Amino acid sequence: MEVSYPSQLNLGLLILRLCLGLFLAYHGYNKVFGPGGLAGTSGWFASMGMKWPKWQARLAASTEIGAGLMLAVGLLTPLAAAGVIGIMVVAIYTAHGKVGFFIFKPNQGWEYCATILLGALAVGTIGAGDWSVDNAIDFSVPGWNSLVITALLGIGGGILQMLISYRPVKAS
């Protein structure tokens, strides 16, 4: 079943995809090329209890850049959105969840990560719209399947990532 979107919905989806995707891609870029670079990101990950912090830093940065750019252009949107959700699940659980809700708290709460996560879930559920690579290549996931794929792969991927590599540092 082909869905045809009115222009305003397509514009809204484009704006949402571009904001979520490009902001996240730039965040990943900053992990590699920002102040402290990959070494700083690795050190931060190690301080939180991530095993193999150099590999984790590369994985996080490449997922943020790759999934972010895919979401921005609307390429394989449920998979791109799942990548964004997985990253945010890990960020909320490992870094921001213990701080509280508000981002203005010291060490930043989880509200920003949850907003990115839910925005990605919305785009993954709705689809990228007519103004996307998905539409150009005739890729679509029918019905509720896009929600299921996006949510299960995203949340499951984030949980799996933490089960494999997260060992919280005990407070001394």
C-alpha atoms as a PDB file:
ATOM      1  CA  MET A   1       0.000   0.000   0.000  1.00  0.00           C
ATOM      2  CA  GLU A   2       1.485   3.316  -1.052  1.00  0.00           C
ATOM      3  CA  VAL A   3       0.927   6.272   1.255  1.00  0.00           C
ATOM      4  CA  SER A   4       0.763   9.753  -0.252  1.00  0.00           C
ATOM      5  CA  TYR A   5       1.509  12.599   2.135  1.00  0.00           C
ATOM      6  CA  PRO A   6       0.258  16.167   1.807  1.00  0.00           C
ATOM      7  CA  SER A   7       3.031  18.726   1.299  1.00  0.00           C
ATOM      8  CA  GLN A   8       2.843  20.047   4.864  1.00  0.00           C
ATOM      9  CA  LEU A   9       3.361  16.592   6.349  1.00  0.00           C
ATOM     10  CA  ASN A  10       6.294  15.994   3.997  1.00  0.00           C
ATOM     11  CA  LEU A  11       7.817  19.326   4.991  1.00  0.00           C
ATOM     12  CA  GLY A  12       7.311  18.552   8.683  1.00  0.00           C
ATOM     13  CA  LEU A  13       8.920  15.126   8.310  1.00  0.00           C
ATOM     14  CA  LEU A  14      11.821  16.630   6.361  1.00  0.00           C
ATOM     15  CA  ILE A  15      12.432  19.255   9.055  1.00  0.00           C
ATOM     16  CA  LEU A  16      12.225  16.630  11.806  1.00  0.00           C
ATOM     17  CA  ARG A  17      14.520  14.215   9.963  1.00  0.00           C
ATOM     18  CA  LEU A  18      17.067  16.928   9.178  1.00  0.00           C
ATOM     19  CA  CYS A  19      17.133  18.266  12.740  1.00  0.00           C
ATOM     20  CA  LEU A  20      17.328  14.894  14.473  1.00  0.00           C
ATOM     21  CA  GLY A  21      19.694  13.357  11.948  1.00  0.00           C
ATOM     22  CA  LEU A  22      22.108  16.225  11.411  1.00  0.00           C
ATOM     23  CA  PHE A  23      22.270  17.138  15.104  1.00  0.00           C
ATOM     24  CA  LEU A  24      23.108  13.540  15.989  1.00  0.00           C
ATOM     25  CA  ALA A  25      25.615  13.202  13.136  1.00  0.00           C
ATOM     26  CA  TYR A  26      27.357  16.370  14.316  1.00  0.00           C
ATOM     27  CA  HIS A  27      27.358  14.994  17.867  1.00  0.00           C
ATOM     28  CA  GLY A  28      29.145  11.889  16.558  1.00  0.00           C
ATOM     29  CA  TYR A  29      31.574  14.043  14.572  1.00  0.00           C
ATOM     30  CA  ASN A  30      32.363  15.934  17.784  1.00  0.00           C
ATOM     31  CA  LYS A  31      33.238  12.653  19.524  1.00  0.00           C
ATOM     32  CA  VAL A  32      36.022  12.184  16.967  1.00  0.00           C
ATOM     33  CA  PHE A  33      37.110  15.694  15.990  1.00  0.00           C
ATOM     34  CA  GLY A  34      35.931  17.894  18.872  1.00  0.00           C
ATOM     35  CA  PRO A  35      37.986  19.018  21.862  1.00  0.00           C
ATOM     36  CA  GLY A  36      39.640  15.934  23.307  1.00  0.00           C
ATOM     37  CA  GLY A  37      38.833  13.934  20.188  1.00  0.00           C
ATOM     38  CA  LEU A  38      38.474  10.186  20.222  1.00  0.00           C
ATOM     39  CA  ALA A  39      40.951   9.897  23.109  1.00  0.00           C
ATOM     40  CA  GLY A  40      38.776  12.157  25.264  1.00  0.00           C
ATOM     41  CA  THR A  41      35.633  10.245  24.333  1.00  0.00           C
ATOM     42  CA  SER A  42      37.398   6.947  25.106  1.00  0.00           C
ATOM     43  CA  GLY A  43      38.496   8.259  28.484  1.00  0.00           C
ATOM     44  CA  TRP A  44      34.984   9.417  29.323  1.00  0.00           C
ATOM     45  CA  PHE A  45      33.545   6.036  28.309  1.00  0.00           C
ATOM     46  CA  ALA A  46      36.155   4.245  30.450  1.00  0.00           C
ATOM     47  CA  SER A  47      35.270   6.437  33.443  1.00  0.00           C
ATOM     48  CA  MET A  48      31.634   5.316  33.144  1.00  0.00           C
ATOM     49  CA  GLY A  49      32.550   1.635  33.036  1.00  0.00           C
ATOM     50  CA  MET A  50      32.456   0.836  29.327  1.00  0.00           C
ATOM     51  CA  LYS A  51      34.681  -2.109  28.426  1.00  0.00           C
ATOM     52  CA  TRP A  52      36.924  -1.561  25.389  1.00  0.00           C
ATOM     53  CA  PRO A  53      36.469   2.229  25.541  1.00  0.00           C
ATOM     54  CA  LYS A  54      38.396   3.013  22.328  1.00  0.00           C
ATOM     55  CA  TRP A  55      36.238   0.594  20.367  1.00  0.00           C
ATOM     56  CA  GLN A  56      33.108   1.908  22.117  1.00  0.00           C
ATOM     57  CA  ALA A  57      34.004   5.498  21.233  1.00  0.00           C
ATOM     58  CA  ARG A  58      34.440   4.557  17.574  1.00  0.00           C
ATOM     59  CA  LEU A  59      31.206   2.556  17.593  1.00  0.00           C
ATOM     60  CA  ALA A  60      29.226   5.374  19.218  1.00  0.00           C
ATOM     61  CA  ALA A  61      30.641   8.015  16.875  1.00  0.00           C
ATOM     62  CA  SER A  62      30.125   5.943  13.733  1.00  0.00           C
ATOM     63  CA  THR A  63      26.580   5.003  14.775  1.00  0.00           C
ATOM     64  CA  GLU A  64      25.714   8.629  15.509  1.00  0.00           C
ATOM     65  CA  ILE A  65      27.192   9.804  12.209  1.00  0.00           C
ATOM     66  CA  GLY A  66      25.835   6.932  10.097  1.00  0.00           C
ATOM     67  CA  ALA A  67      22.358   6.632  11.608  1.00  0.00           C
ATOM     68  CA  GLY A  68      22.094  10.414  11.814  1.00  0.00           C
ATOM     69  CA  LEU A  69      22.892  10.936   8.134  1.00  0.00           C
ATOM     70  CA  MET A  70      20.626   8.045   7.098  1.00  0.00           C
ATOM     71  CA  LEU A  71      17.772   9.536   9.118  1.00  0.00           C
ATOM     72  CA  ALA A  72      18.407  13.004   7.686  1.00  0.00           C
ATOM     73  CA  VAL A  73      18.067  11.826   4.081  1.00  0.00           C
ATOM     74  CA  GLY A  74      15.397   9.231   4.868  1.00  0.00           C
ATOM     75  CA  LEU A  75      17.368   6.129   3.918  1.00  0.00           C
ATOM     76  CA  LEU A  76      16.142   2.828   5.397  1.00  0.00           C
ATOM     77  CA  THR A  77      14.353   4.980   7.933  1.00  0.00           C
ATOM     78  CA  PRO A  78      13.226   2.322  10.455  1.00  0.00           C
ATOM     79  CA  LEU A  79      16.812   1.018  10.683  1.00  0.00           C
ATOM     80  CA  ALA A  80      18.281   4.521  10.917  1.00  0.00           C
ATOM     81  CA  ALA A  81      15.776   5.436  13.629  1.00  0.00           C
ATOM     82  CA  ALA A  82      16.601   2.203  15.470  1.00  0.00           C
ATOM     83  CA  GLY A  83      20.282   3.214  15.474  1.00  0.00           C
ATOM     84  CA  VAL A  84      19.383   6.584  16.984  1.00  0.00           C
ATOM     85  CA  ILE A  85      17.180   4.922  19.600  1.00  0.00           C
ATOM     86  CA  GLY A  86      19.895   2.432  20.535  1.00  0.00           C
ATOM     87  CA  ILE A  87      22.421   5.218  21.107  1.00  0.00           C
ATOM     88  CA  MET A  88      19.928   7.169  23.231  1.00  0.00           C
ATOM     89  CA  VAL A  89      19.000   4.108  25.324  1.00  0.00           C
ATOM     90  CA  VAL A  90      22.687   3.664  26.173  1.00  0.00           C
ATOM     91  CA  ALA A  91      23.167   7.400  26.835  1.00  0.00           C
ATOM     92  CA  ILE A  92      20.159   7.569  29.147  1.00  0.00           C
ATOM     93  CA  TYR A  93      21.116   4.462  31.103  1.00  0.00           C
ATOM     94  CA  THR A  94      24.864   5.007  31.392  1.00  0.00           C
ATOM     95  CA  ALA A  95      25.305   8.773  31.569  1.00  0.00           C
ATOM     96  CA  HIS A  96      22.127  10.791  32.069  1.00  0.00           C
ATOM     97  CA  GLY A  97      19.496   8.671  33.794  1.00  0.00           C
ATOM     98  CA  LYS A  98      20.885   8.938  37.304  1.00  0.00           C
ATOM     99  CA  VAL A  99      21.047  12.732  37.168  1.00  0.00           C
ATOM    100  CA  GLY A 100      17.311  13.367  36.882  1.00  0.00           C
ATOM    101  CA  PHE A 101      15.020  14.613  34.149  1.00  0.00           C
ATOM    102  CA  PHE A 102      16.150  18.171  33.423  1.00  0.00           C
ATOM    103  CA  ILE A 103      19.102  18.850  31.146  1.00  0.00           C
ATOM    104  CA  PHE A 104      20.096  21.961  33.099  1.00  0.00           C
ATOM    105  CA  LYS A 105      21.037  19.850  36.129  1.00  0.00           C
ATOM    106  CA  PRO A 106      24.754  19.308  36.741  1.00  0.00           C
ATOM    107  CA  ASN A 107      25.957  16.509  34.433  1.00  0.00           C
ATOM    108  CA  GLN A 108      22.748  16.920  32.375  1.00  0.00           C
ATOM    109  CA  GLY A 109      19.553  14.971  32.905  1.00  0.00           C
ATOM    110  CA  TRP A 110      17.898  12.667  30.425  1.00  0.00           C
ATOM    111  CA  GLU A 111      15.230  14.943  28.890  1.00  0.00           C
ATOM    112  CA  TYR A 112      17.280  15.765  25.755  1.00  0.00           C
ATOM    113  CA  CYS A 113      18.134  12.112  25.089  1.00  0.00           C
ATOM    114  CA  ALA A 114      14.499  11.087  25.578  1.00  0.00           C
ATOM    115  CA  THR A 115      13.366  13.803  23.164  1.00  0.00           C
ATOM    116  CA  ILE A 116      15.804  12.560  20.504  1.00  0.00           C
ATOM    117  CA  LEU A 117      14.745   8.946  21.169  1.00  0.00           C
ATOM    118  CA  LEU A 118      11.022   9.692  20.878  1.00  0.00           C
ATOM    119  CA  GLY A 119      11.520  11.869  17.796  1.00  0.00           C
ATOM    120  CA  ALA A 120      13.374   9.011  16.112  1.00  0.00           C
ATOM    121  CA  LEU A 121      10.637   6.587  17.168  1.00  0.00           C
ATOM    122  CA  ALA A 122       8.021   8.884  15.621  1.00  0.00           C
ATOM    123  CA  VAL A 123       9.904   9.175  12.314  1.00  0.00           C
ATOM    124  CA  GLY A 124      10.627   5.447  12.269  1.00  0.00           C
ATOM    125  CA  THR A 125       6.944   4.739  12.853  1.00  0.00           C
ATOM    126  CA  ILE A 126       5.545   7.208  10.297  1.00  0.00           C
ATOM    127  CA  GLY A 127       8.220   6.730   7.679  1.00  0.00           C
ATOM    128  CA  ALA A 128      10.414   9.283   5.957  1.00  0.00           C
ATOM    129  CA  GLY A 129       7.715  10.746   3.716  1.00  0.00           C
ATOM    130  CA  ASP A 130       7.678  11.494   0.014  1.00  0.00           C
ATOM    131  CA  TRP A 131      10.757  13.745   0.142  1.00  0.00           C
ATOM    132  CA  SER A 132      13.227  11.004   1.019  1.00  0.00           C
ATOM    133  CA  VAL A 133      15.613   8.451  -0.415  1.00  0.00           C
ATOM    134  CA  ASP A 134      13.229   5.734   0.817  1.00  0.00           C
ATOM    135  CA  ASN A 135      10.546   7.099  -1.489  1.00  0.00           C
ATOM    136  CA  ALA A 136      12.998   7.440  -4.393  1.00  0.00           C
ATOM    137  CA  ILE A 137      14.059   3.788  -4.101  1.00  0.00           C
ATOM    138  CA  ASP A 138      10.511   2.618  -3.316  1.00  0.00           C
ATOM    139  CA  PHE A 139      11.393   1.329   0.162  1.00  0.00           C
ATOM    140  CA  SER A 140       8.612   1.122   2.708  1.00  0.00           C
ATOM    141  CA  VAL A 141       7.680  -1.018   5.664  1.00  0.00           C
ATOM    142  CA  PRO A 142       3.939  -1.655   5.709  1.00  0.00           C
ATOM    143  CA  GLY A 143       1.595  -0.864   8.572  1.00  0.00           C
ATOM    144  CA  TRP A 144       2.672  -1.185  12.171  1.00  0.00           C
ATOM    145  CA  ASN A 145       5.763  -3.170  11.203  1.00  0.00           C
ATOM    146  CA  SER A 146       7.849   0.001  11.063  1.00  0.00           C
ATOM    147  CA  LEU A 147       7.042   0.776  14.712  1.00  0.00           C
ATOM    148  CA  VAL A 148       7.860  -2.782  15.763  1.00  0.00           C
ATOM    149  CA  ILE A 149      11.133  -2.867  13.790  1.00  0.00           C
ATOM    150  CA  THR A 150      12.222   0.572  14.983  1.00  0.00           C
ATOM    151  CA  ALA A 151      11.387  -0.008  18.645  1.00  0.00           C
ATOM    152  CA  LEU A 152      12.620  -3.594  18.961  1.00  0.00           C
ATOM    153  CA  LEU A 153      15.883  -3.085  17.080  1.00  0.00           C
ATOM    154  CA  GLY A 154      16.568   0.245  18.780  1.00  0.00           C
ATOM    155  CA  ILE A 155      15.778  -0.716  22.350  1.00  0.00           C
ATOM    156  CA  GLY A 156      17.097  -4.255  21.890  1.00  0.00           C
ATOM    157  CA  GLY A 157      20.311  -3.004  20.312  1.00  0.00           C
ATOM    158  CA  GLY A 158      20.896  -0.542  23.139  1.00  0.00           C
ATOM    159  CA  ILE A 159      20.268  -3.181  25.799  1.00  0.00           C
ATOM    160  CA  LEU A 160      22.491  -5.695  24.021  1.00  0.00           C
ATOM    161  CA  GLN A 161      25.264  -3.103  23.774  1.00  0.00           C
ATOM    162  CA  MET A 162      25.121  -2.529  27.525  1.00  0.00           C
ATOM    163  CA  LEU A 163      24.935  -6.241  28.380  1.00  0.00           C
ATOM    164  CA  ILE A 164      28.077  -6.860  26.358  1.00  0.00           C
ATOM    165  CA  SER A 165      30.156  -3.876  27.336  1.00  0.00           C
ATOM    166  CA  TYR A 166      28.852  -1.869  30.301  1.00  0.00           C
ATOM    167  CA  ARG A 167      30.240  -2.540  33.753  1.00  0.00           C
ATOM    168  CA  PRO A 168      29.308   0.410  35.985  1.00  0.00           C
ATOM    169  CA  VAL A 169      32.076   1.857  38.083  1.00  0.00           C
ATOM    170  CA  LYS A 170      31.340   1.355  41.769  1.00  0.00           C
ATOM    171  CA  ALA A 171      31.362   4.514  43.862  1.00  0.00           C
ATOM    172  CA  SER A 172      34.193   4.575  46.372  1.00  0.00           C
END
